[in-house]
């Protein structure tokens, strides 16, 4: 199971291994079945539907799914391990300097973010934290919480045995794809895939028409009835394929943003200790994250 973080290579890995003849991947990449802490990200909530998306897997195939908010919710990992104690997990991480603007773009596309200016969105953290305290759920738009990798890894390791966790650094996946993919194959205990480079399977996109997305996300009683009727008539799998196609048709590629110098300094300063903590816990040198200027003795 790929457990996050979002915008850190999870889709690239998922799509790549969907071509592996020993691995089955479901039509729904991010079911988030075990996630109770972020309710609006839970695509599948009933056991029957969750089992159905894996129904076509052969008996000798390994199953791979990717629910990218699990990296922030150790209780979800507990539930997953209760369901399958042999489950393995892949944690992808990305330099916060590029992860934060990429995540902001994704949340804009999902209509979970309504502030298009990232500087303003970053500065809204205090307000959004206060708002999230009123509701029992995690706020995804507090960007100061997105890459608390040291804290999250410590929580993950309190639940997941170290030998069942593989950490992938996004920048290394891009610069050394063949090596990283072989490491993942060995971790999954499947035949090695030989690749020369990776294609970008998850480019930054923006919505063509926001009203279409709002219609798809509508949770009114009539809308829920229509969705339930559609699933009944079309079947769950075909319904989700139709939704996936609709999302793709309503998306357009857009340029990847970068942080201005002031916000970049703020992001580095905010995450410096968390990145150092993650570095120590993971044993990775994170040489690709040069902006953090790791000293020989930290």
Protein backbone atom coordinates (compact mmCIF):
# COMPACT_ATOMS: atom_id res chain seq x y z
CA UNK A 1 0.00 0.00 0.00
CA UNK A 2 1.28 3.45 -0.95
CA UNK A 3 0.42 5.75 1.96
CA UNK A 4 1.53 9.15 0.64
CA UNK A 5 2.61 11.78 0.70
CA UNK A 6 0.54 13.40 -2.07
CA UNK A 7 2.40 15.02 -4.97
CA UNK A 8 5.46 12.91 -4.16
CA UNK A 9 5.45 10.26 -6.89
CA UNK A 10 2.60 8.10 -5.64
CA UNK A 11 0.72 8.15 -8.96
CA UNK A 12 3.90 7.48 -10.93
CA UNK A 13 4.66 4.40 -8.83
CA UNK A 14 1.05 3.21 -8.88
CA UNK A 15 0.76 3.56 -12.67
CA UNK A 16 4.13 1.93 -13.27
CA UNK A 17 3.33 -1.14 -11.19
CA UNK A 18 -0.11 -1.42 -12.75
CA UNK A 19 1.80 -2.79 -15.78
CA UNK A 20 3.54 -5.48 -13.72
CA UNK A 21 2.21 -8.96 -14.43
CA UNK A 22 2.48 -10.00 -10.77
CA UNK A 23 0.64 -7.00 -9.33
CA UNK A 24 -3.03 -6.03 -9.45
CA UNK A 25 -4.07 -2.39 -9.11
CA UNK A 26 -7.74 -1.37 -8.73
CA UNK A 27 -9.57 1.14 -10.89
CA UNK A 28 -9.80 3.43 -7.86
CA UNK A 29 -6.29 4.49 -6.92
CA UNK A 30 -7.19 6.18 -3.64
CA UNK A 31 -10.10 4.40 -1.90
CA UNK A 32 -9.03 5.58 1.59
CA UNK A 33 -11.24 2.84 3.02
CA UNK A 34 -9.46 2.80 6.39
CA UNK A 35 -9.52 6.59 6.75
CA UNK A 36 -11.96 8.03 9.28
CA UNK A 37 -10.02 11.17 10.22
CA UNK A 38 -10.48 12.98 6.88
CA UNK A 39 -14.03 12.04 5.93
CA UNK A 40 -14.26 14.00 2.67
CA UNK A 41 -11.32 12.02 1.25
CA UNK A 42 -12.87 8.62 1.92
CA UNK A 43 -13.89 7.37 -1.53
CA UNK A 44 -15.16 3.99 -0.34
CA UNK A 45 -16.78 3.48 3.04
CA UNK A 46 -18.39 0.02 2.87
CA UNK A 47 -16.56 -3.28 2.99
CA UNK A 48 -18.46 -4.80 0.08
CA UNK A 49 -17.48 -2.09 -2.38
CA UNK A 50 -13.89 -2.11 -1.13
CA UNK A 51 -13.61 -5.85 -1.71
CA UNK A 52 -15.29 -5.50 -5.10
CA UNK A 53 -12.54 -3.27 -6.55
CA UNK A 54 -10.08 -6.13 -5.97
CA UNK A 55 -12.42 -8.87 -7.23
CA UNK A 56 -10.56 -9.31 -10.54
CA UNK A 57 -7.19 -9.94 -8.88
CA UNK A 58 -5.79 -13.40 -9.56
CA UNK A 59 -5.03 -15.62 -6.58
CA UNK A 60 -1.27 -15.35 -7.18
CA UNK A 61 -1.25 -11.57 -7.74
CA UNK A 62 -0.13 -9.08 -5.15
CA UNK A 63 -2.48 -6.13 -4.64
CA UNK A 64 -1.32 -2.52 -4.68
CA UNK A 65 -3.46 0.46 -3.75
CA UNK A 66 -2.54 4.06 -2.93
CA UNK A 67 -4.38 6.04 -0.28
CA UNK A 68 -2.15 9.07 0.09
CA UNK A 69 -3.51 10.63 3.29
CA UNK A 70 -2.68 7.59 5.41
CA UNK A 71 0.79 9.05 6.04
CA UNK A 72 -0.86 11.54 8.42
CA UNK A 73 -3.22 9.09 10.10
CA UNK A 74 -1.52 6.24 12.00
CA UNK A 75 -4.91 4.93 13.15
CA UNK A 76 -5.76 4.22 9.50
CA UNK A 77 -2.58 2.13 9.30
CA UNK A 78 -3.64 0.25 12.43
CA UNK A 79 -6.97 -0.56 10.80
CA UNK A 80 -5.22 -1.70 7.62
CA UNK A 81 -2.85 -3.96 9.55
CA UNK A 82 -5.76 -5.41 11.49
CA UNK A 83 -7.36 -6.35 8.18
CA UNK A 84 -4.08 -7.72 6.81
CA UNK A 85 -1.13 -8.13 9.22
CA UNK A 86 1.20 -8.95 6.30
CA UNK A 87 0.58 -5.63 4.54
CA UNK A 88 3.58 -3.61 3.40
CA UNK A 89 3.70 0.17 3.04
CA UNK A 90 5.46 2.65 0.76
CA UNK A 91 5.99 6.19 2.00
CA UNK A 92 6.93 8.76 -0.64
CA UNK A 93 8.38 12.10 0.43
CA UNK A 94 9.28 15.21 -1.52
CA UNK A 95 11.25 18.34 -0.76
CA UNK A 96 8.73 20.69 0.94
CA UNK A 97 9.95 23.54 -1.27
CA UNK A 98 8.35 21.86 -4.30
CA UNK A 99 5.78 19.71 -2.52
CA UNK A 100 3.87 22.64 -0.98
CA UNK A 101 3.10 24.51 -4.26
CA UNK A 102 2.26 21.22 -5.99
CA UNK A 103 -0.15 20.26 -3.22
CA UNK A 104 -1.73 23.72 -3.35
CA UNK A 105 -2.42 23.17 -7.06
CA UNK A 106 -3.99 19.78 -6.41
CA UNK A 107 -6.26 21.13 -3.70
CA UNK A 108 -7.33 23.99 -5.98
CA UNK A 109 -8.23 21.40 -8.60
CA UNK A 110 -10.19 19.42 -6.01
CA UNK A 111 -12.02 22.57 -4.85
CA UNK A 112 -10.73 21.91 -1.35
CA UNK A 113 -8.77 25.16 -1.65
CA UNK A 114 -10.37 28.44 -2.68
CA UNK A 115 -7.36 30.78 -2.31
CA UNK A 116 -5.42 30.81 -5.57
CA UNK A 117 -2.55 32.88 -4.19
CA UNK A 118 -0.24 30.45 -2.37
CA UNK A 119 1.33 33.19 -0.26
CA UNK A 120 -2.10 34.10 1.09
CA UNK A 121 -3.04 30.44 1.52
CA UNK A 122 0.15 29.87 3.55
CA UNK A 123 -0.63 32.86 5.76
CA UNK A 124 -4.13 31.53 6.54
CA UNK A 125 -2.75 28.73 8.70
CA UNK A 126 -3.76 30.21 12.05
CA UNK A 127 -7.31 30.91 10.88
CA UNK A 128 -7.66 27.47 9.31
CA UNK A 129 -6.32 25.69 12.37
CA UNK A 130 -8.88 27.45 14.55
CA UNK A 131 -11.61 26.51 12.10
CA UNK A 132 -10.50 22.86 11.98
CA UNK A 133 -10.67 22.67 15.78
CA UNK A 134 -14.40 23.16 15.50
CA UNK A 135 -14.73 19.95 13.48
CA UNK A 136 -13.25 16.50 14.21
CA UNK A 137 -11.10 16.28 11.07
CA UNK A 138 -7.67 17.18 9.73
CA UNK A 139 -7.40 20.36 7.67
CA UNK A 140 -5.64 19.61 4.39
CA UNK A 141 -5.17 23.28 3.52
CA UNK A 142 -2.85 24.08 6.42
CA UNK A 143 0.31 23.78 4.33
CA UNK A 144 2.48 24.05 7.42
CA UNK A 145 1.31 20.52 8.32
CA UNK A 146 1.74 18.88 4.91
CA UNK A 147 5.41 17.92 5.20
CA UNK A 148 5.93 17.29 8.92
CA UNK A 149 7.88 14.24 7.82
CA UNK A 150 9.75 13.67 11.09
CA UNK A 151 6.56 13.67 13.17
CA UNK A 152 4.65 11.54 10.68
CA UNK A 153 7.44 8.99 10.26
CA UNK A 154 7.74 8.57 14.02
CA UNK A 155 3.97 7.96 14.22
CA UNK A 156 4.10 5.51 11.31
CA UNK A 157 6.96 3.56 12.89
CA UNK A 158 4.95 3.27 16.11
CA UNK A 159 2.47 1.20 14.12
CA UNK A 160 4.35 -0.32 11.17
CA UNK A 161 7.37 -2.63 11.60
CA UNK A 162 10.43 -1.07 9.92
CA UNK A 163 10.91 -4.04 7.60
CA UNK A 164 7.39 -3.49 6.25
CA UNK A 165 8.05 0.15 5.31
CA UNK A 166 9.86 1.37 2.19
CA UNK A 167 10.66 5.08 1.94
CA UNK A 168 10.99 6.62 -1.52
CA UNK A 169 12.44 10.10 -2.01
CA UNK A 170 10.67 11.74 -4.95
CA UNK A 171 13.78 13.49 -6.25
CA UNK A 172 15.71 10.20 -6.28
CA UNK A 173 12.81 8.50 -8.06
CA UNK A 174 13.16 11.11 -10.81
CA UNK A 175 16.97 11.08 -11.00
CA UNK A 176 17.54 7.33 -10.50
CA UNK A 177 14.28 5.69 -11.63
CA UNK A 178 15.79 2.34 -12.57
CA UNK A 179 17.46 1.87 -9.18
CA UNK A 180 14.41 2.95 -7.18
CA UNK A 181 12.05 0.73 -9.18
CA UNK A 182 14.30 -2.29 -8.66
CA UNK A 183 14.34 -1.55 -4.93
CA UNK A 184 10.54 -1.42 -4.93
CA UNK A 185 10.29 -4.70 -6.84
CA UNK A 186 12.55 -6.37 -4.29
CA UNK A 187 10.48 -4.87 -1.46
CA UNK A 188 7.27 -6.19 -3.07
CA UNK A 189 9.02 -9.51 -3.75
CA UNK A 190 8.13 -9.53 -7.43
CA UNK A 191 10.12 -9.87 -10.64
CA UNK A 192 12.27 -6.82 -11.32
CA UNK A 193 11.09 -4.25 -13.85
CA UNK A 194 13.70 -2.80 -16.15
CA UNK A 195 13.08 0.84 -17.04
CA UNK A 196 15.25 3.64 -18.44
CA UNK A 197 13.14 6.64 -17.48
CA UNK A 198 9.78 7.60 -16.06
CA UNK A 199 6.98 9.43 -17.80
CA UNK A 200 5.08 12.12 -15.94
CA UNK A 201 1.77 10.38 -15.31
CA UNK A 202 0.41 13.07 -13.01
CA UNK A 203 1.08 16.52 -14.51
CA UNK A 204 -0.20 19.64 -12.79
CA UNK A 205 -3.71 20.42 -13.98
CA UNK A 206 -6.36 23.06 -13.48
CA UNK A 207 -10.11 22.81 -13.86
CA UNK A 208 -11.71 23.80 -17.15
CA UNK A 209 -15.10 24.38 -15.55
CA UNK A 210 -15.47 24.70 -11.80
CA UNK A 211 -19.25 24.30 -11.94
CA UNK A 212 -18.81 20.78 -13.38
CA UNK A 213 -16.57 19.84 -10.47
CA UNK A 214 -19.05 21.33 -8.01
CA UNK A 215 -21.82 19.25 -9.55
CA UNK A 216 -19.72 16.12 -9.14
CA UNK A 217 -18.99 16.97 -5.50
CA UNK A 218 -22.56 17.94 -4.62
CA UNK A 219 -23.66 16.22 -1.41
CA UNK A 220 -27.28 17.34 -1.35
CA UNK A 221 -29.96 14.71 -0.85
CA UNK A 222 -31.03 14.69 -4.56
CA UNK A 223 -27.39 14.47 -5.67
CA UNK A 224 -26.67 11.55 -3.33
CA UNK A 225 -29.79 9.80 -4.61
CA UNK A 226 -28.65 10.22 -8.24
CA UNK A 227 -25.19 8.90 -7.42
CA UNK A 228 -26.67 5.89 -5.65
CA UNK A 229 -29.02 5.27 -8.59
CA UNK A 230 -26.14 5.59 -11.07
CA UNK A 231 -24.05 3.06 -9.15
CA UNK A 232 -27.02 0.70 -9.02
CA UNK A 233 -27.66 0.96 -12.77
CA UNK A 234 -24.05 1.06 -13.97
CA UNK A 235 -22.33 -0.98 -11.31
CA UNK A 236 -19.69 0.40 -8.94
CA UNK A 237 -16.67 -0.23 -11.17
CA UNK A 238 -18.14 1.28 -14.33
CA UNK A 239 -19.44 4.23 -12.31
CA UNK A 240 -15.96 4.98 -10.95
CA UNK A 241 -14.47 4.63 -14.44
CA UNK A 242 -17.00 7.18 -15.68
CA UNK A 243 -16.13 9.57 -12.85
CA UNK A 244 -12.42 9.18 -13.57
CA UNK A 245 -12.99 9.96 -17.26
CA UNK A 246 -15.14 12.98 -16.40
CA UNK A 247 -12.42 14.37 -14.15
CA UNK A 248 -9.82 13.95 -16.90
CA UNK A 249 -12.03 15.66 -19.51
CA UNK A 250 -12.60 18.59 -17.16
CA UNK A 251 -8.87 19.13 -16.58
CA UNK A 252 -6.23 21.06 -18.50
CA UNK A 253 -2.48 21.07 -18.08
CA UNK A 254 -1.00 24.13 -16.46
CA UNK A 255 2.47 25.39 -15.57
CA UNK A 256 4.07 24.24 -12.33
CA UNK A 257 4.47 27.15 -9.91
CA UNK A 258 7.53 28.00 -7.87
CA UNK A 259 7.78 29.76 -4.53
CA UNK A 260 8.92 33.35 -4.41
CA UNK A 261 12.08 33.97 -2.39
CA UNK A 262 10.32 35.10 0.79
CA UNK A 263 7.86 32.19 0.91
CA UNK A 264 10.66 29.77 0.02
CA UNK A 265 12.65 31.00 3.03
CA UNK A 266 9.57 30.64 5.23
CA UNK A 267 8.95 27.07 4.05
CA UNK A 268 12.58 26.09 4.65
CA UNK A 269 12.64 27.69 8.10
CA UNK A 270 9.32 26.12 9.06
CA UNK A 271 10.30 22.59 8.00
CA UNK A 272 14.04 22.57 8.81
CA UNK A 273 13.81 20.72 12.14
CA UNK A 274 11.19 18.31 10.82
CA UNK A 275 13.39 17.43 7.86
CA UNK A 276 16.40 16.92 10.16
CA UNK A 277 14.29 14.69 12.40
CA UNK A 278 13.08 12.69 9.39
CA UNK A 279 16.66 12.36 8.15
CA UNK A 280 17.77 10.83 11.45
CA UNK A 281 14.78 8.48 11.75
CA UNK A 282 14.96 7.27 8.16
CA UNK A 283 18.74 7.03 7.85
CA UNK A 284 18.55 8.78 4.48
CA UNK A 285 21.02 11.54 3.65
CA UNK A 286 18.48 13.59 1.64
CA UNK A 287 21.30 15.04 -0.43
CA UNK A 288 18.70 15.99 -3.03
CA UNK A 289 17.22 18.56 -0.63
CA UNK A 290 20.15 20.95 -0.77
CA UNK A 291 18.13 24.00 0.30
CA UNK A 292 18.17 22.70 3.86
CA UNK A 293 21.98 22.90 4.10
CA UNK A 294 22.51 19.89 6.34
CA UNK A 295 25.52 20.36 8.56
CA UNK A 296 27.85 17.52 9.39
CA UNK A 297 26.67 17.71 12.99
CA UNK A 298 23.02 18.69 13.45
